[in-house]
Amino acid sequence: MHLRTTKRLALVLAAAALALAACGGSSDDDSDAAPGDGLTSASPRAGGSLTINIVTESRGLDPFTGAMSSVTDYSRLNALYDVLVYADGKTGEIKPQIAEALTTPDGGRTWQLVVRDGVKFSDGTVFDAAAVKFTWDRMADPANRSLYASSLRGVTTEVADARTLRISLAQPNARFDQIVAANLAYVVSPTAYQKDPKGFSRQPVGAGPFLLKSWQQGVQQTYGRNPGYWQAGKPYLDELVFKTVTDQTQSFNSVDTGGSDMAITLDSRNANLAKDAGMDVTELALNGPGGVLFNMAKAPLDDPRAREALTLAIDPDGFNKIMYDGKVVTPKSLFAVTSTQIDQNAVPTPRQDTAKAAALAKQLADEGKPLNVTLMMPQSTNSGKTGEYLQQQWNLVPNINVKIDYVDINAMMAKVLVGKDYQAAYYNLATPAEPVLWNALHSKSPANWLNYSSPDADAALEASRTATTPEDLKAAYTRLAQVTSRDFLMIPLQESITYVYAKRGKFGGLELTSGAGILMDRLGRSGT
């Protein structure tokens, strides 16, 4: 097997919270394992069930409408479809799964994907190169309104033989394999999809380790083990349940009291509680900060002075102290402060300057451009606290008036990512940098939901795709960080770390992708 691998030079950031929990075992903790070791080091055994509390309900369970992030559907889709390839959560290296090879002979202009022999969908039909082409063609079809269609812009495919798909790009991209891992890894059964295209998202058919058995909207989804899964002896679990639980405190309490076994969260407070309780805790730092992002096509934020005024009115370190007791890292750009993808010393750090913020706001008011803004925030307990803090800080500055609009997370995604119907949003640019940053920031990207247009940013993004050495990639991303900081693209407030915690000694085989999705084929109960 030969798989082209590229190493990410840093792990990635996100900014929303997700809780995942499991039930079905004793809550007694008699293991001698040290906290922090068990989830990734313990060996899983066959059998048992796992219930996962997740913060949002699915919009749909097909790859076109499913929300690909750790806070929504990554783990659900991994269970149903498996993946062609994935980016390793620790190294960013692209690794094979159903695709045994994804290579480029010419620096990214053309690619070849080879799928494994003998893989079948759960309806018994063959998983082949034609199925990949079928799925990608549906993904690119505007009629399906896929959030990920832009990942296939300028991409043409040809089935060379039953297992081989030839891929041609309009422009070279040495990191196209990262795009496949992030947005194009899930493949549907063409036979099942063609039978009922409209109903497929409720009755999905993939080649993953689990099958959807039932779905109670807003309550839970129940999955059973796929007996025809292509990897012998997997998955380890017999049953998997995803429950919709929006309250983070409730999720932690369910693990702590034994009603659940496991949770995944970006809330450092819950993670600290889990550590204090002696649980196994695994951490994964993510790139792409959470914070306030601006729609640059909406007045008054189309004026850079308005964005600068709002930015200078906020103290990110003060936010950290109030919201997280100073226990989380405060980001300063599009990239994590620990990222080696950029030259950290070359990127300026905005500092709070309320006097300058007031002066800019007065200029705008005098010109008939009052700084009246509505900030859209996801609906949750923690978001309420965040919104209150930000609103208070902004409204202390003369001529700045900010209102907060709390919206269901799925509805917010539709408004922000699809409709671009917002002024400012508390959201994230969760990486992998490819294709997220290109899609969100390039002026010619149809997925540019920030309505950002900068020749300098475009040039940096284009240079990142043609870079063939780590040094060239670092130079391109450093320039991108500098330009977006200069243009006040966002107020970075929250460097996120994904935490997975469970009662000590209960689970093993945990492996996360770089997007913090759980690879469900290898997770299982450990011990007796």
Protein backbone atom coordinates (compact mmCIF):
# COMPACT_ATOMS: atom_id res chain seq x y z
CA MET A 1 0.00 0.00 0.00
CA HIS A 2 1.23 3.47 -0.83
CA LEU A 3 -0.64 6.46 0.56
CA ARG A 4 0.58 10.01 0.02
CA THR A 5 0.81 11.55 3.47
CA THR A 6 1.14 15.18 4.40
CA LYS A 7 1.89 16.28 7.92
CA ARG A 8 0.06 19.15 9.43
CA LEU A 9 2.46 21.38 11.29
CA ALA A 10 -0.02 22.04 14.06
CA LEU A 11 -3.24 20.78 15.45
CA VAL A 12 -6.43 22.74 15.04
CA LEU A 13 -8.82 24.96 17.09
CA ALA A 14 -12.61 25.20 17.39
CA ALA A 15 -15.10 27.22 19.39
CA ALA A 16 -18.35 25.51 20.26
CA ALA A 17 -19.23 22.92 22.86
CA LEU A 18 -20.29 19.34 22.43
CA ALA A 19 -21.07 16.73 25.04
CA LEU A 20 -20.97 13.04 24.44
CA ALA A 21 -21.81 10.40 27.00
CA ALA A 22 -22.24 6.68 27.24
CA CYS A 23 -24.42 4.48 29.37
CA GLY A 24 -24.74 0.83 29.97
CA GLY A 25 -22.15 -0.10 32.57
CA SER A 26 -21.47 0.08 36.27
CA SER A 27 -20.40 3.46 37.58
CA ASP A 28 -18.13 1.85 40.17
CA ASP A 29 -14.52 2.88 39.62
CA ASP A 30 -12.19 0.16 40.85
CA SER A 31 -9.48 0.52 38.22
CA ASP A 32 -5.89 1.22 39.21
CA ALA A 33 -5.18 2.97 35.90
CA ALA A 34 -3.86 6.51 36.12
CA PRO A 35 -6.25 9.27 35.00
CA GLY A 36 -5.59 10.39 31.44
CA ASP A 37 -4.23 7.09 30.15
CA GLY A 38 -7.12 4.69 29.72
CA LEU A 39 -9.11 6.00 26.79
CA THR A 40 -6.26 5.88 24.30
CA SER A 41 -4.01 3.20 25.81
CA ALA A 42 -6.46 0.52 26.97
CA SER A 43 -7.40 -2.27 24.59
CA PRO A 44 -11.09 -2.50 23.67
CA ARG A 45 -13.05 -5.74 23.95
CA ALA A 46 -16.03 -6.97 21.98
CA GLY A 47 -19.56 -6.30 23.20
CA GLY A 48 -21.50 -3.71 25.12
CA SER A 49 -23.29 -0.49 24.31
CA LEU A 50 -22.38 3.18 24.33
CA THR A 51 -24.71 6.16 24.68
CA ILE A 52 -23.37 9.51 23.54
CA ASN A 53 -24.96 12.76 24.65
CA ILE A 54 -24.47 15.30 21.87
CA VAL A 55 -25.36 18.98 22.04
CA THR A 56 -27.29 19.28 18.77
CA GLU A 57 -29.76 17.29 16.72
CA SER A 58 -28.74 16.32 13.18
CA ARG A 59 -30.06 18.30 10.23
CA GLY A 60 -29.67 15.12 8.23
CA LEU A 61 -27.51 12.01 8.13
CA ASP A 62 -26.27 12.18 4.57
CA PRO A 63 -22.88 13.71 3.71
CA PHE A 64 -24.59 16.64 1.99
CA THR A 65 -26.58 18.04 4.92
CA GLY A 66 -24.74 16.49 7.87
CA ALA A 67 -22.74 19.04 9.81
CA MET A 68 -19.10 18.00 9.78
CA SER A 69 -17.73 19.14 13.11
CA SER A 70 -17.08 17.61 16.49
CA VAL A 71 -20.04 19.49 17.96
CA THR A 72 -22.50 18.07 15.46
CA ASP A 73 -22.23 15.04 13.16
CA TYR A 74 -18.60 13.98 12.62
CA SER A 75 -18.86 11.01 14.97
CA ARG A 76 -22.34 10.08 13.73
CA LEU A 77 -21.19 10.08 10.11
CA ASN A 78 -18.04 8.12 11.01
CA ALA A 79 -20.31 5.46 12.49
CA LEU A 80 -22.58 5.25 9.46
CA TYR A 81 -20.19 5.65 6.54
CA ASP A 82 -16.64 5.08 7.78
CA VAL A 83 -14.15 7.29 5.86
CA LEU A 84 -12.07 7.12 2.71
CA VAL A 85 -9.10 8.67 4.50
CA TYR A 86 -8.71 10.67 7.71
CA ALA A 87 -6.28 13.16 9.22
CA ASP A 88 -4.62 11.81 12.34
CA GLY A 89 -5.59 13.90 15.35
CA LYS A 90 -2.05 13.93 16.77
CA THR A 91 0.05 14.50 13.65
CA GLY A 92 -2.35 15.67 10.94
CA GLU A 93 -0.98 12.90 8.72
CA ILE A 94 -3.43 11.59 6.14
CA LYS A 95 -4.09 7.92 6.79
CA PRO A 96 -5.95 5.25 4.76
CA GLN A 97 -9.23 3.66 5.69
CA ILE A 98 -11.59 2.54 2.91
CA ALA A 99 -9.28 4.19 0.37
CA GLU A 100 -5.98 2.35 0.39
CA ALA A 101 -4.21 5.01 -1.68
CA LEU A 102 -4.62 8.71 -2.49
CA THR A 103 -1.66 10.00 -4.50
CA THR A 104 -0.58 12.83 -6.76
CA PRO A 105 2.21 12.47 -9.35
CA ASP A 106 2.45 16.16 -10.26
CA GLY A 107 2.33 18.37 -7.20
CA GLY A 108 -1.43 18.41 -6.88
CA ARG A 109 -2.80 18.99 -10.39
CA THR A 110 -4.08 15.41 -10.66
CA TRP A 111 -4.78 12.75 -8.06
CA GLN A 112 -5.61 9.06 -8.02
CA LEU A 113 -7.80 7.41 -5.40
CA VAL A 114 -7.84 3.62 -5.03
CA VAL A 115 -10.49 1.98 -2.84
CA ARG A 116 -10.02 -1.34 -1.09
CA ASP A 117 -11.20 -4.52 -2.70
CA GLY A 118 -14.17 -6.34 -1.17
CA VAL A 119 -15.83 -3.44 0.68
CA LYS A 120 -19.64 -3.43 0.57
CA PHE A 121 -22.34 -1.05 1.68
CA SER A 122 -24.70 -2.27 4.36
CA ASP A 123 -27.34 -2.94 1.67
CA GLY A 124 -24.99 -5.50 0.14
CA THR A 125 -24.00 -3.44 -2.92
CA VAL A 126 -20.36 -2.96 -3.88
CA PHE A 127 -18.36 0.02 -2.66
CA ASP A 128 -16.30 1.02 -5.69
CA ALA A 129 -14.82 4.02 -7.50
CA ALA A 130 -18.15 4.63 -9.24
CA ALA A 131 -19.81 5.06 -5.83
CA VAL A 132 -17.24 7.70 -4.87
CA LYS A 133 -17.87 9.54 -8.14
CA PHE A 134 -21.63 9.29 -7.62
CA THR A 135 -21.38 10.78 -4.13
CA TRP A 136 -19.05 13.59 -5.19
CA ASP A 137 -21.29 14.43 -8.15
CA ARG A 138 -24.28 14.68 -5.79
CA MET A 139 -22.17 16.80 -3.44
CA ALA A 140 -21.33 19.22 -6.24
CA ASP A 141 -24.92 19.44 -7.53
CA PRO A 142 -26.39 22.85 -6.54
CA ALA A 143 -29.81 21.22 -6.18
CA ASN A 144 -28.58 19.40 -3.07
CA ARG A 145 -27.44 22.65 -1.41
CA SER A 146 -24.49 20.92 0.17
CA LEU A 147 -22.38 22.98 2.54
CA TYR A 148 -19.34 21.24 1.06
CA ALA A 149 -19.95 21.74 -2.66
CA SER A 150 -17.17 24.33 -2.81
CA SER A 151 -14.65 21.58 -2.00
CA LEU A 152 -15.38 20.13 -5.46
CA ARG A 153 -15.29 23.39 -7.39
CA GLY A 154 -13.05 22.88 -10.42
CA VAL A 155 -12.77 19.14 -9.70
CA THR A 156 -13.50 16.57 -12.40
CA THR A 157 -13.46 12.82 -11.90
CA GLU A 158 -13.20 9.75 -14.11
CA VAL A 159 -13.65 6.10 -13.17
CA ALA A 160 -10.54 4.37 -14.49
CA ASP A 161 -11.52 0.90 -13.26
CA ALA A 162 -13.66 -0.63 -10.54
CA ARG A 163 -11.34 0.51 -7.78
CA THR A 164 -9.63 3.58 -9.24
CA LEU A 165 -10.89 7.15 -9.51
CA ARG A 166 -8.86 9.71 -11.45
CA ILE A 167 -9.20 13.27 -10.16
CA SER A 168 -8.26 16.46 -12.02
CA LEU A 169 -8.18 19.91 -10.41
CA ALA A 170 -8.62 23.22 -12.20
CA GLN A 171 -5.72 24.59 -10.13
CA PRO A 172 -2.97 22.57 -8.42
CA ASN A 173 -3.56 21.85 -4.75
CA ALA A 174 -0.86 19.91 -2.96
CA ARG A 175 -3.24 19.54 -0.01
CA PHE A 176 -6.28 18.12 -1.77
CA ASP A 177 -5.98 14.99 0.37
CA GLN A 178 -6.72 17.21 3.38
CA ILE A 179 -9.92 18.33 1.63
CA VAL A 180 -10.94 14.72 1.06
CA ALA A 181 -10.36 13.91 4.72
CA ALA A 182 -12.27 16.97 5.94
CA ASN A 183 -15.27 17.18 3.60
CA LEU A 184 -15.34 14.34 1.06
CA ALA A 185 -14.63 11.22 3.10
CA TYR A 186 -18.18 9.86 3.34
CA VAL A 187 -19.64 7.82 0.48
CA VAL A 188 -23.31 6.84 0.07
CA SER A 189 -24.77 3.72 -1.49
CA PRO A 190 -25.84 4.85 -4.98
CA THR A 191 -28.54 2.16 -5.06
CA ALA A 192 -30.12 3.26 -1.78
CA TYR A 193 -29.83 6.95 -2.60
CA GLN A 194 -31.46 6.61 -6.01
CA LYS A 195 -34.39 4.72 -4.50
CA ASP A 196 -35.33 7.68 -2.30
CA PRO A 197 -33.12 10.79 -2.63
CA LYS A 198 -35.38 12.94 -0.44
CA GLY A 199 -35.67 10.37 2.31
CA PHE A 200 -32.04 9.24 2.32
CA SER A 201 -30.92 11.64 5.05
CA ARG A 202 -33.38 9.94 7.41
CA GLN A 203 -32.59 6.41 6.23
CA PRO A 204 -28.90 6.52 5.31
CA VAL A 205 -26.95 3.59 3.89
CA GLY A 206 -23.17 3.58 4.07
CA ALA A 207 -20.30 1.17 4.59
CA GLY A 208 -19.58 2.11 8.18
CA PRO A 209 -19.32 -0.01 11.32
CA PHE A 210 -22.90 0.78 12.39
CA LEU A 211 -26.43 0.91 10.95
CA LEU A 212 -29.14 3.39 11.92
CA LYS A 213 -31.93 1.45 13.64
CA SER A 214 -34.21 4.26 14.84
CA TRP A 215 -34.36 8.04 15.14
CA GLN A 216 -36.55 9.91 17.60
CA GLN A 217 -36.25 13.50 16.48
CA GLY A 218 -34.78 15.70 19.18
CA VAL A 219 -34.34 12.74 21.52
CA GLN A 220 -31.93 10.11 20.26
CA GLN A 221 -30.56 8.07 17.38
CA THR A 222 -29.93 4.35 17.93
CA TYR A 223 -27.35 2.40 15.91
CA GLY A 224 -26.65 -1.32 15.71
CA ARG A 225 -23.48 -3.18 14.79
CA ASN A 226 -23.03 -3.72 11.03
CA PRO A 227 -22.54 -7.49 10.63
CA GLY A 228 -21.15 -7.00 7.12
CA TYR A 229 -18.55 -4.41 8.05
CA TRP A 230 -15.41 -4.77 5.94
CA GLN A 231 -13.00 -5.01 8.89
CA ALA A 232 -13.27 -8.45 10.48
CA GLY A 233 -13.89 -8.34 14.23
CA LYS A 234 -15.01 -4.71 14.20
CA PRO A 235 -16.69 -2.69 15.48
CA TYR A 236 -16.28 -3.72 19.10
CA LEU A 237 -19.55 -2.23 20.36
CA ASP A 238 -22.90 -3.94 19.77
CA GLU A 239 -24.97 -0.78 20.08
CA LEU A 240 -24.42 2.95 19.86
CA VAL A 241 -26.89 5.65 20.93
CA PHE A 242 -26.57 9.38 20.29
CA LYS A 243 -28.75 11.42 22.62
CA THR A 244 -29.47 15.11 22.12
CA VAL A 245 -28.47 16.81 25.38
CA THR A 246 -27.96 20.57 25.23
CA ASP A 247 -26.98 21.20 28.86
CA GLN A 248 -23.27 20.70 29.55
CA THR A 249 -23.76 20.47 33.31
CA GLN A 250 -26.34 17.73 32.85
CA SER A 251 -23.94 15.85 30.61
CA PHE A 252 -21.12 15.94 33.15
CA ASN A 253 -23.43 14.94 36.00
CA SER A 254 -24.64 11.93 34.03
CA VAL A 255 -21.06 10.68 33.73
CA ASP A 256 -20.22 11.50 37.32
CA THR A 257 -23.23 9.67 38.75
CA GLY A 258 -22.94 6.63 36.48
CA GLY A 259 -25.89 7.28 34.22
CA SER A 260 -23.42 7.77 31.38
CA ASP A 261 -19.89 6.61 30.75
CA MET A 262 -18.25 9.18 28.53
CA ALA A 263 -18.45 12.78 27.32
CA ILE A 264 -16.70 14.91 24.76
CA THR A 265 -16.63 18.64 25.29
CA LEU A 266 -14.82 21.87 24.50
CA ASP A 267 -15.76 23.25 27.92
CA SER A 268 -12.60 23.37 30.00
CA ARG A 269 -14.63 23.69 33.19
CA ASN A 270 -16.21 20.28 32.65
CA ALA A 271 -12.83 18.83 31.77
CA ASN A 272 -11.33 20.18 34.98
CA LEU A 273 -14.21 18.69 36.96
CA ALA A 274 -13.54 15.35 35.27
CA LYS A 275 -9.85 15.54 36.16
CA ASP A 276 -10.67 16.41 39.76
CA ALA A 277 -13.00 13.40 39.87
CA GLY A 278 -10.15 11.09 38.80
CA MET A 279 -11.58 10.28 35.39
CA ASP A 280 -9.65 9.37 32.27
CA VAL A 281 -9.29 12.57 30.23
CA THR A 282 -7.89 12.83 26.70
CA GLU A 283 -7.17 16.24 25.14
CA LEU A 284 -6.88 17.37 21.53
CA ALA A 285 -5.96 20.96 20.71
CA LEU A 286 -7.70 22.39 17.66
CA ASN A 287 -6.73 25.24 15.31
CA GLY A 288 -9.03 28.06 14.10
CA PRO A 289 -10.20 30.20 17.02
CA GLY A 290 -13.64 30.85 18.34
CA GLY A 291 -14.79 34.39 18.76
CA VAL A 292 -16.68 37.19 17.07
CA LEU A 293 -16.64 37.09 13.27
CA PHE A 294 -17.88 39.94 11.09
CA ASN A 295 -20.01 39.94 7.94
CA MET A 296 -18.21 42.51 5.84
CA ALA A 297 -21.12 42.99 3.48
CA LYS A 298 -23.39 44.25 6.28
CA ALA A 299 -23.30 47.86 7.40
CA PRO A 300 -21.76 49.19 9.53
CA LEU A 301 -19.26 46.32 9.55
CA ASP A 302 -18.38 46.89 5.90
CA ASP A 303 -16.34 49.79 7.30
CA PRO A 304 -13.03 48.57 8.81
CA ARG A 305 -13.23 51.30 11.46
CA ALA A 306 -16.38 49.65 12.85
CA ARG A 307 -14.66 46.27 13.10
CA GLU A 308 -11.61 47.86 14.70
CA ALA A 309 -13.73 49.73 17.25
CA LEU A 310 -15.53 46.55 18.32
CA THR A 311 -12.22 44.70 18.54
CA LEU A 312 -10.46 47.35 20.64
CA ALA A 313 -13.39 47.54 23.06
CA ILE A 314 -12.81 43.95 24.21
CA ASP A 315 -10.01 42.64 26.44
CA PRO A 316 -9.44 38.99 25.43
CA ASP A 317 -7.43 38.26 28.59
CA GLY A 318 -10.21 39.74 30.72
CA PHE A 319 -12.70 37.57 28.84
CA ASN A 320 -10.58 34.53 29.67
CA LYS A 321 -10.44 35.42 33.35
CA ILE A 322 -14.17 36.07 33.66
CA MET A 323 -15.38 33.14 31.56
CA TYR A 324 -12.72 30.50 32.26
CA ASP A 325 -10.89 31.61 35.41
CA GLY A 326 -7.87 32.31 33.22
CA LYS A 327 -7.42 28.59 32.54
CA VAL A 328 -7.69 28.61 28.75
CA VAL A 329 -5.26 29.98 26.20
CA THR A 330 -6.18 33.28 24.55
CA PRO A 331 -5.57 33.18 20.78
CA LYS A 332 -4.35 36.18 18.81
CA SER A 333 -4.91 35.20 15.19
CA LEU A 334 -6.52 32.60 12.94
CA PHE A 335 -4.00 30.07 14.23
CA ALA A 336 -3.39 28.58 17.65
CA VAL A 337 -0.77 30.27 19.77
CA THR A 338 1.12 26.98 19.80
CA SER A 339 0.88 26.54 16.03
CA THR A 340 4.11 26.14 14.10
CA GLN A 341 2.25 26.71 10.83
CA ILE A 342 2.97 30.44 11.24
CA ASP A 343 5.72 32.68 12.59
CA GLN A 344 4.01 33.73 15.81
CA ASN A 345 6.33 36.71 16.34
CA ALA A 346 5.37 38.17 12.96
CA VAL A 347 1.66 38.48 13.73
CA PRO A 348 0.49 41.58 15.68
CA THR A 349 -1.69 41.16 18.73
CA PRO A 350 -4.57 43.65 19.11
CA ARG A 351 -4.80 45.10 22.62
CA GLN A 352 -7.80 46.67 24.30
CA ASP A 353 -7.90 50.43 23.73
CA THR A 354 -11.30 51.80 24.73
CA ALA A 355 -10.27 55.39 24.05
CA LYS A 356 -9.45 54.63 20.42
CA ALA A 357 -12.59 52.47 20.15
CA ALA A 358 -14.67 55.43 21.34
CA ALA A 359 -12.95 57.79 18.90
CA LEU A 360 -13.63 55.46 15.96
CA ALA A 361 -17.26 54.97 17.02
CA LYS A 362 -17.72 58.77 17.24
CA GLN A 363 -16.27 59.21 13.74
CA LEU A 364 -18.79 56.75 12.39
CA ALA A 365 -21.68 58.35 14.28
CA ASP A 366 -20.71 61.82 13.01
CA GLU A 367 -20.78 60.44 9.45
CA GLY A 368 -24.26 58.98 9.93
CA LYS A 369 -22.99 55.41 10.37
CA PRO A 370 -24.04 54.53 13.93
CA LEU A 371 -22.32 51.46 15.32
CA ASN A 372 -25.48 49.47 16.01
CA VAL A 373 -24.79 45.74 15.72
CA THR A 374 -26.58 42.49 16.49
CA LEU A 375 -24.35 39.60 17.56
CA MET A 376 -25.77 36.16 16.76
CA MET A 377 -24.87 33.47 19.28
CA PRO A 378 -25.64 29.74 19.58
CA GLN A 379 -28.33 28.99 22.13
CA SER A 380 -26.81 27.40 25.24
CA THR A 381 -26.19 28.13 28.90
CA ASN A 382 -22.55 29.05 28.39
CA SER A 383 -23.35 31.20 25.36
CA GLY A 384 -25.67 33.28 27.53
CA LYS A 385 -22.82 34.12 29.87
CA THR A 386 -20.52 34.92 26.96
CA GLY A 387 -23.08 37.16 25.29
CA GLU A 388 -23.77 39.08 28.49
CA TYR A 389 -20.08 39.76 29.05
CA LEU A 390 -19.42 40.96 25.50
CA GLN A 391 -22.53 43.11 25.36
CA GLN A 392 -21.61 44.78 28.64
CA GLN A 393 -18.07 45.58 27.50
CA TRP A 394 -19.17 46.99 24.14
CA ASN A 395 -22.01 49.07 25.49
CA LEU A 396 -19.71 50.75 28.02
CA VAL A 397 -18.08 52.54 25.07
CA PRO A 398 -19.96 55.64 23.87
CA ASN A 399 -21.63 55.29 20.44
CA ILE A 400 -21.41 51.48 20.46
CA ASN A 401 -24.70 49.63 20.82
CA VAL A 402 -24.73 45.84 20.55
CA LYS A 403 -27.71 43.50 20.89
CA ILE A 404 -27.47 39.73 21.30
CA ASP A 405 -29.62 37.28 19.35
CA TYR A 406 -29.52 33.70 20.68
CA VAL A 407 -30.33 31.15 17.96
CA ASP A 408 -30.59 27.35 17.83
CA ILE A 409 -27.22 26.03 16.64
CA ASN A 410 -28.56 24.36 13.50
CA ALA A 411 -30.60 27.43 12.59
CA MET A 412 -27.56 29.58 13.22
CA MET A 413 -25.44 27.46 10.89
CA ALA A 414 -28.03 27.89 8.15
CA LYS A 415 -28.24 31.65 8.68
CA VAL A 416 -24.48 32.17 8.82
CA LEU A 417 -23.04 29.60 6.41
CA VAL A 418 -25.81 29.45 3.83
CA GLY A 419 -27.91 32.60 4.03
CA LYS A 420 -25.10 34.93 5.19
CA ASP A 421 -27.91 36.58 7.10
CA TYR A 422 -26.10 38.15 10.06
CA GLN A 423 -23.98 41.14 11.06
CA ALA A 424 -21.68 39.49 13.59
CA ALA A 425 -21.63 35.90 14.82
CA TYR A 426 -19.94 34.07 17.66
CA TYR A 427 -18.57 31.21 15.64
CA ASN A 428 -15.33 29.53 14.69
CA LEU A 429 -13.05 28.93 11.76
CA ALA A 430 -12.30 25.42 12.90
CA THR A 431 -9.60 23.88 10.79
CA PRO A 432 -8.08 21.86 9.13
CA ALA A 433 -6.82 25.00 7.44
CA GLU A 434 -7.44 23.28 4.11
CA PRO A 435 -10.15 23.68 2.95
CA VAL A 436 -11.76 25.72 5.74
CA LEU A 437 -9.71 28.89 5.40
CA TRP A 438 -9.86 28.89 1.61
CA ASN A 439 -13.62 28.34 1.60
CA ALA A 440 -14.31 31.00 4.20
CA LEU A 441 -11.82 33.66 3.10
CA HIS A 442 -11.01 33.50 -0.61
CA SER A 443 -12.88 36.21 -2.50
CA LYS A 444 -13.91 33.78 -5.25
CA SER A 445 -15.17 31.07 -2.92
CA PRO A 446 -18.97 30.67 -2.96
CA ALA A 447 -18.68 29.58 0.69
CA ASN A 448 -17.10 32.89 1.74
CA TRP A 449 -19.72 33.53 4.42
CA LEU A 450 -17.73 36.45 5.83
CA ASN A 451 -18.00 38.26 2.48
CA TYR A 452 -14.30 38.99 2.89
CA SER A 453 -12.38 40.26 -0.11
CA SER A 454 -8.66 40.94 0.03
CA PRO A 455 -6.14 40.53 -2.81
CA ASP A 456 -3.43 39.98 -0.21
CA ALA A 457 -5.39 37.22 1.51
CA ASP A 458 -6.21 35.62 -1.85
CA ALA A 459 -2.53 35.58 -2.75
CA ALA A 460 -1.58 33.98 0.58
CA LEU A 461 -4.25 31.31 0.21
CA GLU A 462 -3.18 30.54 -3.34
CA ALA A 463 0.44 30.29 -2.21
CA SER A 464 -0.60 27.80 0.49
CA ARG A 465 -2.03 25.48 -2.16
CA THR A 466 1.04 25.50 -4.36
CA ALA A 467 3.50 25.23 -1.46
CA THR A 468 5.49 22.02 -1.64
CA THR A 469 7.72 22.56 1.40
CA PRO A 470 6.91 23.26 5.06
CA GLU A 471 8.82 26.53 4.79
CA ASP A 472 6.73 27.79 1.88
CA LEU A 473 3.52 26.75 3.61
CA LYS A 474 4.55 28.56 6.79
CA ALA A 475 5.33 31.73 4.86
CA ALA A 476 1.92 31.63 3.16
CA TYR A 477 -0.02 31.06 6.37
CA THR A 478 1.98 33.69 8.25
CA ARG A 479 1.06 36.23 5.59
CA LEU A 480 -2.58 35.18 5.82
CA ALA A 481 -2.55 35.65 9.61
CA GLN A 482 -0.98 39.10 9.22
CA VAL A 483 -3.47 40.28 6.59
CA THR A 484 -6.58 39.05 8.38
CA SER A 485 -5.36 40.61 11.64
CA ARG A 486 -4.81 43.94 9.85
CA ASP A 487 -8.30 43.78 8.35
CA PHE A 488 -9.95 42.98 11.71
CA LEU A 489 -11.57 39.86 10.34
CA MET A 490 -12.56 38.68 13.81
CA ILE A 491 -12.05 39.05 17.54
CA PRO A 492 -10.28 35.80 18.55
CA LEU A 493 -11.34 34.94 22.09
CA GLN A 494 -11.28 31.23 22.65
CA GLU A 495 -8.62 28.72 21.75
CA SER A 496 -10.51 25.48 22.03
CA ILE A 497 -9.35 22.09 23.17
CA THR A 498 -11.52 19.03 22.72
CA TYR A 499 -11.69 16.92 25.87
CA VAL A 500 -12.95 13.35 26.06
CA TYR A 501 -13.51 12.03 29.56
CA ALA A 502 -14.91 8.86 31.09
CA LYS A 503 -14.96 6.90 34.30
CA ARG A 504 -11.54 5.42 34.78
CA GLY A 505 -10.82 2.09 33.14
CA LYS A 506 -14.13 1.70 31.31
CA PHE A 507 -13.24 2.37 27.65
CA GLY A 508 -10.30 1.93 25.32
CA GLY A 509 -9.30 2.33 21.70
CA LEU A 510 -10.21 6.02 21.52
CA GLU A 511 -8.81 7.69 18.42
CA LEU A 512 -9.75 11.16 17.22
CA THR A 513 -9.36 12.65 13.78
CA SER A 514 -7.91 16.15 13.43
CA GLY A 515 -11.48 17.48 13.43
CA ALA A 516 -12.07 15.74 16.78
CA GLY A 517 -14.43 13.15 15.36
CA ILE A 518 -14.31 9.72 17.01
CA LEU A 519 -13.34 6.80 14.76
CA MET A 520 -16.13 4.49 15.81
CA ASP A 521 -14.73 1.26 14.42
CA ARG A 522 -12.03 1.08 17.09
CA LEU A 523 -13.72 2.39 20.26
CA GLY A 524 -14.95 -0.16 22.78
CA ARG A 525 -15.32 -1.14 26.40
CA SER A 526 -12.22 -2.25 28.24
CA GLY A 527 -11.68 -4.42 31.29
CA THR A 528 -14.32 -6.84 32.50
